[in-house]
Amino acid sequence: MGRNGLDLYLKALEKLQLYASTTYKNRADMRKCLKQEKIITLTAPELDDNTTVTQKEMWKICANNTIKREELLEATMEGIYEVVMSIYDPVLKDQICNHDGYEVIDNKQDTLGLLKIIKKPCTQTERTTCTWVTIMS
């Protein structure tokens, strides 16, 4: 598919980002992960040595919220794996299942790993079919 395939892939990825941002609770985190093609790191709050009791309690709340956001992001990324897998046609699904790293990706429900497998045939210069992208476009 070459250059055209990459354009189609990016367009499909944008639609997946839109779907994720309108469907899931942690919209911004999901969009960032899909856009950057990696799990984003959330910055934990810092606690100074000279803090008051109230500041320590606020820090605990912020730290707890950061942990919850990370857990929610991980669970949501696993959930969207099933969405991406459900879109496949039998030909592309067979290509994906025959990929070397597929078993590990499937066991982890690694959405970003799955998208990397899908992206590869879409960016190759030879003529290949990239049906997932065509369906999403």
C-alpha atoms as a PDB file:
ATOM      1  CA  MET A   1       0.000   0.000   0.000  1.00  0.00           C
ATOM      2  CA  GLY A   2       2.954   2.275   0.508  1.00  0.00           C
ATOM      3  CA  ARG A   3       2.332   5.930   1.157  1.00  0.00           C
ATOM      4  CA  ASN A   4      -1.396   5.651   0.560  1.00  0.00           C
ATOM      5  CA  GLY A   5      -1.524   2.813   3.099  1.00  0.00           C
ATOM      6  CA  LEU A   6       0.153   4.969   5.730  1.00  0.00           C
ATOM      7  CA  ASP A   7      -2.361   7.754   5.120  1.00  0.00           C
ATOM      8  CA  LEU A   8      -5.210   5.261   5.481  1.00  0.00           C
ATOM      9  CA  TYR A   9      -3.642   3.855   8.655  1.00  0.00           C
ATOM     10  CA  LEU A  10      -3.303   7.311  10.209  1.00  0.00           C
ATOM     11  CA  LYS A  11      -6.889   8.165   9.285  1.00  0.00           C
ATOM     12  CA  ALA A  12      -8.103   4.898  10.836  1.00  0.00           C
ATOM     13  CA  LEU A  13      -6.035   5.600  13.951  1.00  0.00           C
ATOM     14  CA  GLU A  14      -7.673   9.034  14.241  1.00  0.00           C
ATOM     15  CA  LYS A  15     -11.098   7.384  14.088  1.00  0.00           C
ATOM     16  CA  LEU A  16     -10.037   4.913  16.765  1.00  0.00           C
ATOM     17  CA  GLN A  17      -8.881   7.841  18.918  1.00  0.00           C
ATOM     18  CA  LEU A  18     -12.228   9.541  18.411  1.00  0.00           C
ATOM     19  CA  TYR A  19     -14.073   6.335  19.328  1.00  0.00           C
ATOM     20  CA  ALA A  20     -11.951   5.888  22.452  1.00  0.00           C
ATOM     21  CA  SER A  21     -12.343   9.506  23.501  1.00  0.00           C
ATOM     22  CA  THR A  22     -16.126   9.404  23.189  1.00  0.00           C
ATOM     23  CA  THR A  23     -16.620   5.953  24.703  1.00  0.00           C
ATOM     24  CA  TYR A  24     -14.238   5.664  27.626  1.00  0.00           C
ATOM     25  CA  LYS A  25     -14.017   7.601  30.877  1.00  0.00           C
ATOM     26  CA  ASN A  26     -10.326   8.516  30.571  1.00  0.00           C
ATOM     27  CA  ARG A  27     -10.651  10.238  27.199  1.00  0.00           C
ATOM     28  CA  ALA A  28      -7.545  12.395  27.170  1.00  0.00           C
ATOM     29  CA  ASP A  29      -5.240   9.643  28.410  1.00  0.00           C
ATOM     30  CA  MET A  30      -6.576   7.225  25.765  1.00  0.00           C
ATOM     31  CA  ARG A  31      -6.136   9.721  22.935  1.00  0.00           C
ATOM     32  CA  LYS A  32      -2.585  10.489  24.038  1.00  0.00           C
ATOM     33  CA  CYS A  33      -1.664   6.795  24.164  1.00  0.00           C
ATOM     34  CA  LEU A  34      -3.098   6.067  20.741  1.00  0.00           C
ATOM     35  CA  LYS A  35      -1.614   9.215  19.216  1.00  0.00           C
ATOM     36  CA  GLN A  36       1.869   8.660  20.671  1.00  0.00           C
ATOM     37  CA  GLU A  37       1.623   4.889  20.116  1.00  0.00           C
ATOM     38  CA  LYS A  38       2.913   4.236  23.623  1.00  0.00           C
ATOM     39  CA  ILE A  39       1.587   4.122  27.167  1.00  0.00           C
ATOM     40  CA  ILE A  40       1.867   7.582  28.647  1.00  0.00           C
ATOM     41  CA  THR A  41       3.471   8.044  32.001  1.00  0.00           C
ATOM     42  CA  LEU A  42       1.510   9.910  34.590  1.00  0.00           C
ATOM     43  CA  THR A  43       3.536  12.088  36.899  1.00  0.00           C
ATOM     44  CA  ALA A  44       3.039  11.368  40.559  1.00  0.00           C
ATOM     45  CA  PRO A  45       2.898  14.372  42.876  1.00  0.00           C
ATOM     46  CA  GLU A  46       5.980  15.187  44.899  1.00  0.00           C
ATOM     47  CA  LEU A  47       5.988  15.500  48.654  1.00  0.00           C
ATOM     48  CA  ASP A  48       8.276  18.036  50.293  1.00  0.00           C
ATOM     49  CA  ASP A  49       9.940  17.392  53.632  1.00  0.00           C
ATOM     50  CA  ASN A  50       8.418  20.450  55.278  1.00  0.00           C
ATOM     51  CA  THR A  51       4.744  19.810  54.578  1.00  0.00           C
ATOM     52  CA  THR A  52       1.799  20.322  56.832  1.00  0.00           C
ATOM     53  CA  VAL A  53      -0.654  17.591  57.762  1.00  0.00           C
ATOM     54  CA  THR A  54      -3.180  19.017  55.315  1.00  0.00           C
ATOM     55  CA  GLN A  55      -0.608  19.031  52.501  1.00  0.00           C
ATOM     56  CA  LYS A  56       0.256  15.406  53.293  1.00  0.00           C
ATOM     57  CA  GLU A  57      -3.409  14.441  53.076  1.00  0.00           C
ATOM     58  CA  MET A  58      -3.752  16.304  49.774  1.00  0.00           C
ATOM     59  CA  TRP A  59      -0.643  14.502  48.501  1.00  0.00           C
ATOM     60  CA  LYS A  60      -2.162  11.134  49.450  1.00  0.00           C
ATOM     61  CA  ILE A  61      -5.334  11.993  47.531  1.00  0.00           C
ATOM     62  CA  CYS A  62      -3.376  13.117  44.456  1.00  0.00           C
ATOM     63  CA  ALA A  63      -1.106  10.057  44.566  1.00  0.00           C
ATOM     64  CA  ASN A  64      -4.136   7.794  44.900  1.00  0.00           C
ATOM     65  CA  ASN A  65      -5.823   9.487  41.922  1.00  0.00           C
ATOM     66  CA  THR A  66      -2.677   9.019  39.827  1.00  0.00           C
ATOM     67  CA  ILE A  67      -2.618   5.299  40.638  1.00  0.00           C
ATOM     68  CA  LYS A  68      -6.316   4.988  39.764  1.00  0.00           C
ATOM     69  CA  ARG A  69      -5.779   6.792  36.438  1.00  0.00           C
ATOM     70  CA  GLU A  70      -2.915   4.445  35.572  1.00  0.00           C
ATOM     71  CA  GLU A  71      -4.992   1.380  36.426  1.00  0.00           C
ATOM     72  CA  LEU A  72      -7.973   2.689  34.450  1.00  0.00           C
ATOM     73  CA  LEU A  73      -5.775   3.477  31.452  1.00  0.00           C
ATOM     74  CA  GLU A  74      -4.280  -0.013  31.480  1.00  0.00           C
ATOM     75  CA  ALA A  75      -7.708  -1.647  31.720  1.00  0.00           C
ATOM     76  CA  THR A  76      -9.140   0.564  28.986  1.00  0.00           C
ATOM     77  CA  MET A  77      -6.239  -0.156  26.644  1.00  0.00           C
ATOM     78  CA  GLU A  78      -6.874  -3.869  27.173  1.00  0.00           C
ATOM     79  CA  GLY A  79     -10.571  -3.322  26.446  1.00  0.00           C
ATOM     80  CA  ILE A  80      -9.982  -1.470  23.216  1.00  0.00           C
ATOM     81  CA  TYR A  81      -7.852  -4.435  22.079  1.00  0.00           C
ATOM     82  CA  GLU A  82     -11.082  -6.389  21.687  1.00  0.00           C
ATOM     83  CA  VAL A  83     -12.614  -3.547  19.670  1.00  0.00           C
ATOM     84  CA  VAL A  84      -9.693  -3.537  17.245  1.00  0.00           C
ATOM     85  CA  MET A  85      -9.702  -7.350  16.991  1.00  0.00           C
ATOM     86  CA  SER A  86     -13.429  -7.428  16.235  1.00  0.00           C
ATOM     87  CA  ILE A  87     -13.002  -5.270  13.151  1.00  0.00           C
ATOM     88  CA  TYR A  88     -10.703  -7.720  11.351  1.00  0.00           C
ATOM     89  CA  ASP A  89     -11.682  -9.606   8.262  1.00  0.00           C
ATOM     90  CA  PRO A  90     -10.455 -13.242   8.064  1.00  0.00           C
ATOM     91  CA  VAL A  91      -7.492 -12.442   5.770  1.00  0.00           C
ATOM     92  CA  LEU A  92      -5.992  -9.757   7.995  1.00  0.00           C
ATOM     93  CA  LYS A  93      -6.788 -11.731  11.142  1.00  0.00           C
ATOM     94  CA  ASP A  94      -4.846 -14.665   9.693  1.00  0.00           C
ATOM     95  CA  GLN A  95      -1.886 -12.384   8.906  1.00  0.00           C
ATOM     96  CA  ILE A  96      -1.935 -11.009  12.445  1.00  0.00           C
ATOM     97  CA  CYS A  97      -2.266 -14.424  14.090  1.00  0.00           C
ATOM     98  CA  ASN A  98       0.726 -15.682  12.089  1.00  0.00           C
ATOM     99  CA  HIS A  99       2.940 -12.790  13.195  1.00  0.00           C
ATOM    100  CA  ASP A 100       5.905 -13.806  15.376  1.00  0.00           C
ATOM    101  CA  GLY A 101       4.971 -11.737  18.417  1.00  0.00           C
ATOM    102  CA  TYR A 102       1.211 -12.236  18.241  1.00  0.00           C
ATOM    103  CA  GLU A 103       0.880 -14.757  21.091  1.00  0.00           C
ATOM    104  CA  VAL A 104       2.584 -12.457  23.582  1.00  0.00           C
ATOM    105  CA  ILE A 105       0.530  -9.491  22.384  1.00  0.00           C
ATOM    106  CA  ASP A 106      -2.695 -11.495  22.559  1.00  0.00           C
ATOM    107  CA  ASN A 107      -1.961 -12.808  26.058  1.00  0.00           C
ATOM    108  CA  LYS A 108      -1.293  -9.272  27.310  1.00  0.00           C
ATOM    109  CA  GLN A 109      -4.192  -7.799  25.292  1.00  0.00           C
ATOM    110  CA  ASP A 110      -1.603  -5.260  24.127  1.00  0.00           C
ATOM    111  CA  THR A 111      -3.485  -2.792  21.921  1.00  0.00           C
ATOM    112  CA  LEU A 112      -0.409  -0.786  21.006  1.00  0.00           C
ATOM    113  CA  GLY A 113       1.498  -3.929  20.031  1.00  0.00           C
ATOM    114  CA  LEU A 114      -1.454  -5.008  17.911  1.00  0.00           C
ATOM    115  CA  LEU A 115      -1.556  -1.638  16.177  1.00  0.00           C
ATOM    116  CA  LYS A 116       2.169  -1.933  15.407  1.00  0.00           C
ATOM    117  CA  ILE A 117       1.531  -5.289  13.739  1.00  0.00           C
ATOM    118  CA  ILE A 118      -1.306  -3.742  11.709  1.00  0.00           C
ATOM    119  CA  LYS A 119       0.781  -0.709  10.781  1.00  0.00           C
ATOM    120  CA  LYS A 120       3.602  -2.758   9.282  1.00  0.00           C
ATOM    121  CA  PRO A 121       1.806  -4.016   6.140  1.00  0.00           C
ATOM    122  CA  CYS A 122       0.179  -0.611   5.732  1.00  0.00           C
ATOM    123  CA  THR A 123       3.534   1.160   5.509  1.00  0.00           C
ATOM    124  CA  GLN A 124       5.380  -1.314   3.275  1.00  0.00           C
ATOM    125  CA  THR A 125       6.139  -0.121  -0.227  1.00  0.00           C
ATOM    126  CA  GLU A 126       4.943  -3.292  -1.946  1.00  0.00           C
ATOM    127  CA  ARG A 127       1.288  -3.746  -2.820  1.00  0.00           C
ATOM    128  CA  THR A 128      -0.483  -5.327   0.160  1.00  0.00           C
ATOM    129  CA  THR A 129      -3.972  -5.194   1.511  1.00  0.00           C
ATOM    130  CA  CYS A 130      -4.628  -3.466   4.770  1.00  0.00           C
ATOM    131  CA  THR A 131      -8.276  -4.266   5.322  1.00  0.00           C
ATOM    132  CA  TRP A 132      -8.536  -3.072   8.914  1.00  0.00           C
ATOM    133  CA  VAL A 133      -7.584   0.386   7.753  1.00  0.00           C
ATOM    134  CA  THR A 134     -10.054   0.250   4.874  1.00  0.00           C
ATOM    135  CA  ILE A 135     -12.857  -0.754   7.252  1.00  0.00           C
ATOM    136  CA  MET A 136     -12.017   2.019   9.726  1.00  0.00           C
ATOM    137  CA  SER A 137     -11.682   4.710   7.026  1.00  0.00           C
END
